[in-house]
Amino acid sequence: MSLLKKYEPVIGLEVHTQLLTKSKLFCGDSAIFGAAPNTQVSPVSLAHPGTLPVMNKKAIDYAIKIGVAFNCDIIRHNYFARKNYFYPDLPKGYQVSQHTTPICKNGFVTIMINGVQKNILLNRIHLEEDAGKSIHDADENFTCIDLNRAGVPLLEIVSEPDMHSAEEAYTYVTEIRKIVRYLEICDGNMEEGSMRCDANISVRLRGEKKLGTKVEVKNLNSIRNVKRAIDFEINRLIHLLENNEEVMQQTRSFDAVSGTTFSLRDKEEANDYRYFSEPDLTPFFITDEKIESIKKSLPVLPAVLEKKFIFEYALPLADAKILCDDRETATFFENIICHTRNYKAAANWVLGPVKSYLNDTNTSLDSLPVHPETFAKLIEIIEAGKVSFSVAASRIFPVLINFPEKEPIEITKELNLLQEKNDDSLRSWIDEVLSKMPDKVLEYKKGKKNLIGLFSGEVKKISKGKADMKAVNQLLNQKLNQ
């Protein structure tokens, strides 16, 4: 019996998303990533005596956005608390967070696992300020502290212990990143620290109701590492139980090089933080009108868009999923189909030549010089049989990159790419190809019918892509089956 069949992993995740506000949560310091160390600080974020915090209203709006997107109850009466613990990168010696009154409660995140839909239940989503950053490898004798990040607004999305595999956790974090990017409240760049994940993991015998002793793996900085760390911890905990060893409740860290976790400290309990209401911030109340206005401002979310692309535009599931992976791609596709009803052709352009160009040049759609309407014009001349898709993609599209103001049909004529439909020209090319391959013609007539592809390919080659391949195949069949 496999040990993974004997034991059931139980996983809950805390995902920290850094909000895309221009300023920090309680002061006007810039929250932009990438500035020189300790240049985005002020007496407030440095906790100088006599300074007072002021709430960032945009951060509250963003919290409501994510709560609505994840089907949460939005808590009307809110206040902040002090979470007391010492870290060198928190100048105040405490963190301002929400403890008793998270801004969002309950809700769920919908994921797909092996084609089956599952709702991962949420416990809460709350606002808090981020800590600074300790840098251990800049100086061999000292730890360096960069306080630019101290005070930047965070949303902590806390799930219930509702996942039972590393794959579920991986999919859950991927979905959260997709949604926060759609909402434009977080860029989701885990490598820059703007999204981080803590994983709470335990195992129990299958059929047991009581949770096992949990460990927490802190600060996982990529979705891949979330999966790797959880897989490692599940196996480690099962090994301990199988050998009758005690599972210690610990905070651990993940070593991405070795793929292993190691202990940082025994886990604190909530009462170790000595929470109490933040006396320098007044409670705040969220009105029904505010919630309704934010609901109306939300974009169409990817799950809804996928259904629309499948059922209204008859796209395959795979196409719809990739198009909806990010808001920029979905919007670009929708901008193309404002000018054409050939939805599948539009999807082919976005997922084929456009995606390849962006990957090759390491650029994004907002820097693509070719406008959506131009792609609709490319689709139009392909549908009209004036040029093939392969020629449009390989010859016309590259010219449009450099001269986006040109018309596709203009480029087609300039490069002499208009498809040849004249039967005499097509028959001439066909005769030339068949005369060079009499043995293959004989094989075809003896039953090897798949050689038709070889013949049509050679016609395409000698015509330099100008031959109308639909007409070529018709003429080939006539010629070879006489």
Protein backbone atom coordinates (compact mmCIF):
# COMPACT_ATOMS: atom_id res chain seq x y z
CA MET A 1 0.00 0.00 0.00
CA SER A 2 1.38 3.41 -1.01
CA LEU A 3 2.02 5.72 1.92
CA LEU A 4 0.26 8.52 0.05
CA LYS A 5 -2.83 6.31 -0.01
CA LYS A 6 -2.48 5.65 3.71
CA TYR A 7 -2.13 9.31 4.68
CA GLU A 8 -4.07 12.41 3.67
CA PRO A 9 -2.18 15.72 3.35
CA VAL A 10 -4.05 18.80 4.59
CA ILE A 11 -2.87 22.17 3.28
CA GLY A 12 -3.84 25.76 3.95
CA LEU A 13 -2.14 28.70 2.27
CA GLU A 14 -1.55 32.31 3.23
CA VAL A 15 -0.91 34.34 0.08
CA HIS A 16 0.49 37.84 0.57
CA THR A 17 -0.19 40.19 -2.34
CA GLN A 18 1.50 43.60 -2.47
CA LEU A 19 -1.01 46.16 -3.69
CA LEU A 20 -0.31 48.40 -6.68
CA THR A 21 -0.95 51.65 -4.85
CA LYS A 22 1.38 54.57 -5.57
CA SER A 23 2.00 55.19 -1.88
CA LYS A 24 2.34 53.11 1.28
CA LEU A 25 -0.51 52.02 3.53
CA PHE A 26 -0.20 54.71 6.20
CA CYS A 27 1.93 57.47 4.66
CA GLY A 28 2.78 59.15 1.35
CA ASP A 29 6.09 57.37 0.72
CA SER A 30 6.36 55.89 -2.76
CA ALA A 31 5.57 52.17 -2.97
CA ILE A 32 7.17 51.68 -6.41
CA PHE A 33 9.50 48.68 -6.72
CA GLY A 34 13.16 48.98 -7.68
CA ALA A 35 14.38 52.22 -6.06
CA ALA A 36 17.80 52.43 -4.40
CA PRO A 37 17.75 51.05 -0.81
CA ASN A 38 16.25 53.31 1.86
CA THR A 39 15.25 56.09 -0.55
CA GLN A 40 11.47 55.59 -0.18
CA VAL A 41 11.22 56.31 3.54
CA SER A 42 10.02 59.16 5.74
CA PRO A 43 9.67 59.90 9.47
CA VAL A 44 6.35 57.98 9.41
CA SER A 45 7.69 54.77 7.87
CA LEU A 46 10.82 55.07 10.05
CA ALA A 47 8.56 55.33 13.14
CA HIS A 48 10.03 58.57 14.46
CA PRO A 49 8.43 59.74 17.74
CA GLY A 50 5.34 61.89 17.30
CA THR A 51 4.48 60.69 13.79
CA LEU A 52 0.97 59.46 13.04
CA PRO A 53 -0.37 57.12 10.32
CA VAL A 54 -3.03 58.11 7.75
CA MET A 55 -5.06 55.43 5.96
CA ASN A 56 -4.65 54.80 2.20
CA LYS A 57 -8.22 54.70 0.80
CA LYS A 58 -7.14 53.07 -2.47
CA ALA A 59 -5.89 50.04 -0.52
CA ILE A 60 -9.37 49.62 0.99
CA ASP A 61 -10.92 49.76 -2.49
CA TYR A 62 -8.51 47.08 -3.70
CA ALA A 63 -9.36 44.86 -0.73
CA ILE A 64 -13.07 45.14 -1.53
CA LYS A 65 -12.34 44.30 -5.19
CA ILE A 66 -10.62 41.03 -4.35
CA GLY A 67 -13.30 40.20 -1.78
CA VAL A 68 -16.06 40.62 -4.37
CA ALA A 69 -14.10 38.59 -6.95
CA PHE A 70 -13.69 35.73 -4.45
CA ASN A 71 -17.32 35.75 -3.28
CA CYS A 72 -16.47 37.00 0.22
CA ASP A 73 -18.61 38.72 2.82
CA ILE A 74 -17.40 42.32 3.02
CA ILE A 75 -17.22 43.41 6.67
CA ARG A 76 -18.68 46.89 7.08
CA HIS A 77 -17.07 47.88 10.42
CA ASN A 78 -13.27 47.63 10.36
CA TYR A 79 -10.32 48.58 12.50
CA PHE A 80 -6.61 47.85 12.69
CA ALA A 81 -4.59 46.17 15.42
CA ARG A 82 -0.96 46.09 16.48
CA LYS A 83 0.77 42.75 16.06
CA ASN A 84 3.76 42.88 18.39
CA TYR A 85 6.99 41.13 17.51
CA PHE A 86 10.52 42.24 16.90
CA TYR A 87 12.17 42.11 13.53
CA PRO A 88 15.00 44.42 12.47
CA ASP A 89 13.13 45.34 9.27
CA LEU A 90 10.07 46.68 11.16
CA PRO A 91 11.12 50.05 12.62
CA LYS A 92 8.07 50.35 14.90
CA GLY A 93 8.70 47.00 16.58
CA TYR A 94 5.14 45.97 15.69
CA GLN A 95 3.10 45.46 12.52
CA VAL A 96 -0.22 47.20 11.87
CA SER A 97 -2.63 44.52 10.67
CA GLN A 98 -6.27 43.45 10.92
CA HIS A 99 -6.86 40.75 13.50
CA THR A 100 -10.39 40.70 14.89
CA THR A 101 -12.04 42.36 11.89
CA PRO A 102 -10.63 41.26 8.53
CA ILE A 103 -12.12 43.31 5.72
CA CYS A 104 -13.29 40.12 3.91
CA LYS A 105 -14.54 36.84 5.40
CA ASN A 106 -15.46 33.47 3.92
CA GLY A 107 -15.67 33.16 0.14
CA PHE A 108 -13.88 30.72 -2.15
CA VAL A 109 -11.44 30.42 -5.04
CA THR A 110 -12.53 28.11 -7.87
CA ILE A 111 -9.87 25.86 -9.39
CA MET A 112 -9.89 23.02 -11.93
CA ILE A 113 -8.05 19.80 -11.03
CA ASN A 114 -7.96 17.02 -13.63
CA GLY A 115 -11.02 18.48 -15.30
CA VAL A 116 -12.99 18.66 -12.04
CA GLN A 117 -14.04 22.00 -10.56
CA LYS A 118 -13.33 22.56 -6.87
CA ASN A 119 -14.00 25.56 -4.62
CA ILE A 120 -11.16 26.20 -2.16
CA LEU A 121 -12.75 27.83 0.89
CA LEU A 122 -11.32 31.04 2.27
CA ASN A 123 -11.15 31.97 5.91
CA ARG A 124 -10.36 35.67 5.52
CA ILE A 125 -8.65 38.39 3.55
CA HIS A 126 -7.14 41.22 5.55
CA LEU A 127 -5.05 44.35 5.08
CA GLU A 128 -1.67 44.86 6.71
CA GLU A 129 1.57 46.71 6.17
CA ASP A 130 4.63 44.94 4.80
CA ALA A 131 7.98 44.75 6.58
CA GLY A 132 11.27 45.88 5.10
CA LYS A 133 13.87 43.54 3.70
CA SER A 134 16.91 42.01 5.41
CA ILE A 135 19.80 41.40 3.01
CA HIS A 136 22.34 38.87 4.23
CA ASP A 137 24.71 38.59 1.26
CA ALA A 138 25.62 42.24 0.56
CA ASP A 139 28.24 42.43 3.33
CA GLU A 140 30.15 39.51 4.77
CA ASN A 141 30.14 40.97 8.29
CA PHE A 142 26.73 42.60 8.58
CA THR A 143 23.06 42.14 7.68
CA CYS A 144 21.84 45.10 5.63
CA ILE A 145 18.34 46.51 5.98
CA ASP A 146 16.34 48.09 3.15
CA LEU A 147 13.22 49.82 4.49
CA ASN A 148 11.73 50.81 1.11
CA ARG A 149 9.17 48.02 1.45
CA ALA A 150 8.30 48.80 5.08
CA GLY A 151 4.72 50.05 5.16
CA VAL A 152 3.77 48.95 1.64
CA PRO A 153 0.13 47.71 1.65
CA LEU A 154 -0.42 43.96 1.63
CA LEU A 155 -3.53 41.82 1.33
CA GLU A 156 -3.20 38.48 3.06
CA ILE A 157 -5.50 35.86 1.54
CA VAL A 158 -5.93 33.03 4.04
CA SER A 159 -7.50 29.77 2.91
CA GLU A 160 -9.08 27.12 5.07
CA PRO A 161 -7.10 23.86 5.32
CA ASP A 162 -8.98 22.80 2.21
CA MET A 163 -6.30 21.45 -0.15
CA HIS A 164 -5.03 17.89 -0.19
CA SER A 165 -2.14 17.87 -2.67
CA ALA A 166 0.71 20.04 -3.84
CA GLU A 167 -0.97 20.13 -7.27
CA GLU A 168 -4.11 21.71 -5.77
CA ALA A 169 -1.98 24.29 -3.97
CA TYR A 170 -0.06 25.07 -7.17
CA THR A 171 -3.31 25.57 -9.11
CA TYR A 172 -4.82 27.69 -6.32
CA VAL A 173 -1.88 30.11 -6.21
CA THR A 174 -1.85 30.28 -10.02
CA GLU A 175 -5.54 31.24 -9.99
CA ILE A 176 -5.02 33.92 -7.34
CA ARG A 177 -2.18 35.44 -9.34
CA LYS A 178 -4.36 35.45 -12.47
CA ILE A 179 -7.24 37.20 -10.66
CA VAL A 180 -5.14 39.90 -8.95
CA ARG A 181 -3.58 40.68 -12.33
CA TYR A 182 -7.02 40.87 -13.97
CA LEU A 183 -8.14 43.26 -11.24
CA GLU A 184 -4.90 45.23 -11.65
CA ILE A 185 -4.38 45.36 -7.89
CA CYS A 186 -1.11 43.40 -7.81
CA ASP A 187 1.41 42.54 -10.53
CA GLY A 188 1.90 39.02 -9.12
CA ASN A 189 5.67 39.12 -9.72
CA MET A 190 6.80 36.63 -7.10
CA GLU A 191 10.46 37.06 -8.06
CA GLU A 192 10.18 40.74 -6.99
CA GLY A 193 8.45 39.82 -3.73
CA SER A 194 5.14 41.41 -4.66
CA MET A 195 3.41 38.08 -4.11
CA ARG A 196 4.57 35.55 -1.52
CA CYS A 197 3.13 32.41 -0.02
CA ASP A 198 3.27 30.67 3.35
CA ALA A 199 2.11 27.04 3.39
CA ASN A 200 0.61 25.31 6.44
CA ILE A 201 0.96 21.55 6.00
CA SER A 202 -0.06 18.53 8.05
CA VAL A 203 -0.84 14.88 7.36
CA ARG A 204 -3.27 12.46 8.95
CA LEU A 205 -4.45 8.90 8.39
CA ARG A 206 -7.14 8.79 5.72
CA GLY A 207 -10.56 8.80 7.33
CA GLU A 208 -9.34 10.73 10.39
CA LYS A 209 -11.20 13.94 11.22
CA LYS A 210 -8.66 15.49 13.57
CA LEU A 211 -5.91 17.53 11.93
CA GLY A 212 -2.32 16.48 12.41
CA THR A 213 0.38 18.73 13.85
CA LYS A 214 1.12 21.39 11.27
CA VAL A 215 4.30 23.01 10.07
CA GLU A 216 4.46 26.35 8.27
CA VAL A 217 6.86 26.90 5.37
CA LYS A 218 7.47 30.63 5.02
CA ASN A 219 8.07 33.01 2.13
CA LEU A 220 7.81 30.73 -0.89
CA ASN A 221 8.74 33.00 -3.77
CA SER A 222 7.57 31.13 -6.86
CA ILE A 223 4.55 29.01 -7.72
CA ARG A 224 6.86 26.14 -8.65
CA ASN A 225 8.52 26.34 -5.24
CA VAL A 226 5.12 26.23 -3.53
CA LYS A 227 4.60 22.81 -5.12
CA ARG A 228 8.15 21.60 -4.45
CA ALA A 229 8.13 22.66 -0.78
CA ILE A 230 4.73 21.08 -0.09
CA ASP A 231 5.71 17.81 -1.80
CA PHE A 232 8.88 17.67 0.29
CA GLU A 233 7.05 18.42 3.56
CA ILE A 234 4.32 15.84 2.91
CA ASN A 235 6.95 13.14 2.44
CA ARG A 236 8.96 14.34 5.46
CA LEU A 237 5.94 14.32 7.76
CA ILE A 238 4.82 10.88 6.57
CA HIS A 239 8.34 9.56 7.19
CA LEU A 240 8.26 10.92 10.77
CA LEU A 241 4.89 9.31 11.47
CA GLU A 242 5.92 5.98 9.95
CA ASN A 243 8.96 5.95 12.23
CA ASN A 244 6.95 6.92 15.34
CA GLU A 245 8.81 10.22 15.61
CA GLU A 246 7.21 13.36 16.97
CA VAL A 247 6.05 16.04 14.52
CA MET A 248 7.07 19.42 15.95
CA GLN A 249 4.94 22.50 15.25
CA GLN A 250 7.52 24.68 13.53
CA THR A 251 8.13 27.53 11.17
CA ARG A 252 10.37 26.31 8.37
CA SER A 253 12.04 27.72 5.26
CA PHE A 254 12.58 26.21 1.82
CA ASP A 255 15.98 25.82 0.17
CA ALA A 256 15.22 26.02 -3.56
CA VAL A 257 18.67 24.67 -4.52
CA SER A 258 18.41 21.41 -2.56
CA GLY A 259 14.61 21.20 -2.69
CA THR A 260 14.43 20.69 1.08
CA THR A 261 13.02 22.58 4.06
CA PHE A 262 14.78 23.43 7.32
CA SER A 263 13.58 24.65 10.73
CA LEU A 264 13.66 28.36 11.57
CA ARG A 265 11.95 28.38 14.97
CA ASP A 266 9.17 26.85 17.03
CA LYS A 267 5.84 28.23 15.85
CA GLU A 268 4.40 31.22 17.68
CA GLU A 269 0.80 31.17 18.85
CA ALA A 270 -1.55 34.08 18.19
CA ASN A 271 -1.40 35.18 21.82
CA ASP A 272 2.37 35.61 21.49
CA TYR A 273 1.69 38.62 19.27
CA ARG A 274 -0.29 40.46 22.00
CA TYR A 275 -2.80 42.00 19.58
CA PHE A 276 -4.60 45.17 20.61
CA SER A 277 -6.46 47.88 18.71
CA GLU A 278 -4.23 50.39 16.92
CA PRO A 279 -4.86 53.61 18.91
CA ASP A 280 -3.51 55.94 16.18
CA LEU A 281 -6.01 54.84 13.49
CA THR A 282 -9.74 55.38 13.72
CA PRO A 283 -12.10 52.53 12.76
CA PHE A 284 -13.55 52.80 9.25
CA PHE A 285 -16.96 51.89 7.86
CA ILE A 286 -17.64 50.54 4.34
CA THR A 287 -20.99 51.60 2.92
CA ASP A 288 -23.27 49.54 0.67
CA GLU A 289 -22.87 52.27 -1.97
CA LYS A 290 -19.10 51.83 -1.94
CA ILE A 291 -19.39 48.06 -2.40
CA GLU A 292 -21.88 48.44 -5.25
CA SER A 293 -19.73 51.00 -7.07
CA ILE A 294 -16.72 48.68 -6.86
CA LYS A 295 -18.78 45.72 -8.09
CA LYS A 296 -19.77 47.75 -11.15
CA SER A 297 -16.15 48.69 -11.83
CA LEU A 298 -14.87 45.10 -11.93
CA PRO A 299 -13.72 43.68 -15.27
CA VAL A 300 -15.20 40.47 -16.63
CA LEU A 301 -13.26 37.75 -14.81
CA PRO A 302 -11.47 34.92 -16.65
CA ALA A 303 -13.93 32.13 -15.77
CA VAL A 304 -16.80 34.16 -17.28
CA LEU A 305 -14.71 35.13 -20.32
CA GLU A 306 -13.76 31.48 -20.96
CA LYS A 307 -17.44 30.50 -21.12
CA LYS A 308 -18.17 33.43 -23.42
CA PHE A 309 -15.34 32.50 -25.79
CA ILE A 310 -16.46 28.85 -25.87
CA PHE A 311 -20.22 29.26 -26.14
CA GLU A 312 -20.57 32.56 -28.04
CA TYR A 313 -17.48 32.37 -30.24
CA ALA A 314 -17.26 28.55 -30.61
CA LEU A 315 -13.59 28.47 -29.64
CA PRO A 316 -12.01 25.22 -28.39
CA LEU A 317 -11.56 25.00 -24.62
CA ALA A 318 -7.76 25.04 -24.95
CA ASP A 319 -7.83 28.27 -27.00
CA ALA A 320 -10.24 29.95 -24.58
CA LYS A 321 -8.11 29.04 -21.56
CA ILE A 322 -4.88 30.42 -23.03
CA LEU A 323 -6.58 33.60 -24.27
CA CYS A 324 -7.99 34.19 -20.78
CA ASP A 325 -4.73 33.52 -18.96
CA ASP A 326 -4.16 37.25 -18.73
CA ARG A 327 -6.37 40.27 -19.20
CA GLU A 328 -4.11 41.91 -21.79
CA THR A 329 -4.35 38.93 -24.17
CA ALA A 330 -8.11 38.55 -23.73
CA THR A 331 -8.65 42.26 -24.37
CA PHE A 332 -6.45 42.20 -27.49
CA PHE A 333 -8.40 39.25 -28.88
CA GLU A 334 -11.72 41.01 -28.18
CA ASN A 335 -10.42 44.15 -29.90
CA ILE A 336 -9.67 42.11 -33.04
CA ILE A 337 -13.12 40.53 -33.16
CA CYS A 338 -14.71 43.97 -33.02
CA HIS A 339 -13.67 44.08 -36.71
CA THR A 340 -14.18 40.46 -37.83
CA ARG A 341 -16.58 37.62 -37.12
CA ASN A 342 -13.98 34.95 -37.86
CA TYR A 343 -13.29 34.28 -34.18
CA LYS A 344 -11.17 31.19 -34.69
CA ALA A 345 -8.87 32.98 -37.14
CA ALA A 346 -8.46 35.84 -34.65
CA ALA A 347 -7.55 33.35 -31.92
CA ASN A 348 -5.05 31.66 -34.26
CA TRP A 349 -3.29 34.98 -34.88
CA VAL A 350 -3.09 35.85 -31.17
CA LEU A 351 -1.95 32.39 -30.06
CA GLY A 352 0.35 31.84 -33.05
CA PRO A 353 2.34 34.61 -34.76
CA VAL A 354 1.62 37.28 -32.14
CA LYS A 355 2.56 35.09 -29.18
CA SER A 356 5.72 33.89 -30.97
CA TYR A 357 6.76 37.47 -31.74
CA LEU A 358 6.25 38.56 -28.12
CA ASN A 359 8.24 35.57 -26.82
CA ASP A 360 11.07 36.08 -29.32
CA THR A 361 11.38 39.80 -28.58
CA ASN A 362 10.57 39.57 -24.85
CA THR A 363 7.96 42.29 -25.21
CA SER A 364 4.35 42.72 -24.14
CA LEU A 365 1.16 43.31 -26.11
CA ASP A 366 0.98 46.97 -25.18
CA SER A 367 4.21 47.53 -27.12
CA LEU A 368 3.07 45.61 -30.21
CA PRO A 369 2.95 48.19 -33.03
CA VAL A 370 0.34 46.33 -35.11
CA HIS A 371 -3.21 47.34 -34.18
CA PRO A 372 -6.06 44.85 -33.68
CA GLU A 373 -7.95 46.27 -36.68
CA THR A 374 -4.95 45.43 -38.90
CA PHE A 375 -5.18 41.77 -37.88
CA ALA A 376 -8.85 41.82 -38.88
CA LYS A 377 -7.74 43.11 -42.32
CA LEU A 378 -5.20 40.27 -42.57
CA ILE A 379 -7.97 37.79 -41.79
CA GLU A 380 -10.14 39.42 -44.46
CA ILE A 381 -7.59 39.02 -47.27
CA ILE A 382 -6.91 35.41 -46.22
CA GLU A 383 -10.65 34.65 -46.27
CA ALA A 384 -10.87 36.25 -49.72
CA GLY A 385 -8.23 33.83 -50.95
CA LYS A 386 -5.77 36.59 -51.82
CA VAL A 387 -3.02 35.18 -49.62
CA SER A 388 -2.49 32.13 -47.42
CA PHE A 389 -2.20 32.25 -43.62
CA SER A 390 1.38 30.97 -43.72
CA VAL A 391 2.44 33.68 -46.19
CA ALA A 392 0.58 36.35 -44.18
CA ALA A 393 2.32 35.22 -40.99
CA SER A 394 5.81 34.75 -42.42
CA ARG A 395 5.97 37.58 -45.00
CA ILE A 396 3.36 40.25 -44.31
CA PHE A 397 3.30 40.32 -40.49
CA PRO A 398 7.08 41.06 -40.21
CA VAL A 399 6.66 44.03 -42.55
CA LEU A 400 3.74 45.33 -40.48
CA ILE A 401 5.93 45.22 -37.36
CA ASN A 402 8.23 47.79 -38.97
CA PHE A 403 5.58 49.66 -40.97
CA PRO A 404 2.34 49.32 -38.94
CA GLU A 405 0.70 52.19 -40.83
CA LYS A 406 0.70 50.17 -44.08
CA GLU A 407 -2.34 48.26 -45.30
CA PRO A 408 -1.93 44.45 -45.49
CA ILE A 409 -3.23 44.34 -49.06
CA GLU A 410 -0.74 47.04 -50.04
CA ILE A 411 2.16 44.95 -48.68
CA THR A 412 0.77 41.86 -50.42
CA LYS A 413 0.87 43.60 -53.79
CA GLU A 414 4.28 45.23 -53.20
CA LEU A 415 5.84 41.82 -52.40
CA ASN A 416 3.99 40.12 -55.28
CA LEU A 417 2.30 37.71 -52.88
CA LEU A 418 -1.23 37.63 -54.29
CA GLN A 419 -2.32 34.01 -54.65
CA GLU A 420 -2.34 32.70 -58.21
CA LYS A 421 -5.76 31.34 -59.13
CA ASN A 422 -5.25 31.11 -62.90
CA ASP A 423 -5.76 27.49 -63.91
CA ASP A 424 -3.08 27.68 -66.62
CA SER A 425 -0.43 28.82 -64.14
CA LEU A 426 -1.46 26.22 -61.59
CA ARG A 427 -1.47 23.41 -64.19
CA SER A 428 1.97 24.48 -65.37
CA TRP A 429 3.39 24.21 -61.83
CA ILE A 430 1.61 20.88 -61.26
CA ASP A 431 2.98 19.44 -64.52
CA GLU A 432 6.49 20.59 -63.58
CA VAL A 433 6.28 18.86 -60.18
CA LEU A 434 4.81 15.60 -61.49
CA SER A 435 7.32 15.38 -64.35
CA LYS A 436 10.17 15.48 -61.82
CA MET A 437 8.72 12.61 -59.74
CA PRO A 438 7.42 9.88 -62.09
CA ASP A 439 8.20 7.15 -59.54
CA LYS A 440 6.10 8.89 -56.86
CA VAL A 441 3.27 9.37 -59.36
CA LEU A 442 3.36 5.62 -60.03
CA GLU A 443 3.28 4.88 -56.28
CA TYR A 444 0.30 7.19 -55.90
CA LYS A 445 -1.59 5.40 -58.67
CA LYS A 446 -0.86 2.06 -57.00
CA GLY A 447 -2.67 3.27 -53.86
CA LYS A 448 -0.26 5.45 -51.86
CA LYS A 449 -2.75 8.32 -51.76
CA ASN A 450 -1.01 10.23 -48.97
CA LEU A 451 1.62 11.33 -51.54
CA ILE A 452 -0.84 14.06 -52.56
CA GLY A 453 0.64 16.12 -49.72
CA LEU A 454 4.14 15.79 -51.19
CA PHE A 455 2.98 16.99 -54.60
CA SER A 456 1.02 19.96 -53.24
CA GLY A 457 3.96 20.91 -51.03
CA GLU A 458 6.29 20.99 -54.04
CA VAL A 459 3.81 23.13 -55.97
CA LYS A 460 3.68 25.54 -53.04
CA LYS A 461 7.49 25.65 -53.01
CA ILE A 462 8.05 26.38 -56.69
CA SER A 463 5.23 28.94 -56.71
CA LYS A 464 6.91 30.66 -53.72
CA GLY A 465 3.66 30.36 -51.80
CA LYS A 466 1.59 32.11 -54.42
CA ALA A 467 -0.43 29.11 -55.55
CA ASP A 468 -3.99 28.84 -54.26
CA MET A 469 -3.59 25.52 -52.47
CA LYS A 470 -7.29 24.68 -52.45
CA ALA A 471 -7.35 24.95 -56.25
CA VAL A 472 -4.01 23.09 -56.49
CA ASN A 473 -5.39 20.10 -54.57
CA GLN A 474 -8.49 19.98 -56.77
CA LEU A 475 -6.38 20.06 -59.96
CA LEU A 476 -3.93 17.47 -58.59
CA ASN A 477 -6.77 15.09 -57.85
CA GLN A 478 -8.16 15.57 -61.37
CA LYS A 479 -4.76 15.04 -62.97
CA LEU A 480 -3.72 12.00 -60.88
CA ASN A 481 -7.06 10.21 -61.02
CA GLN A 482 -7.69 10.43 -64.77
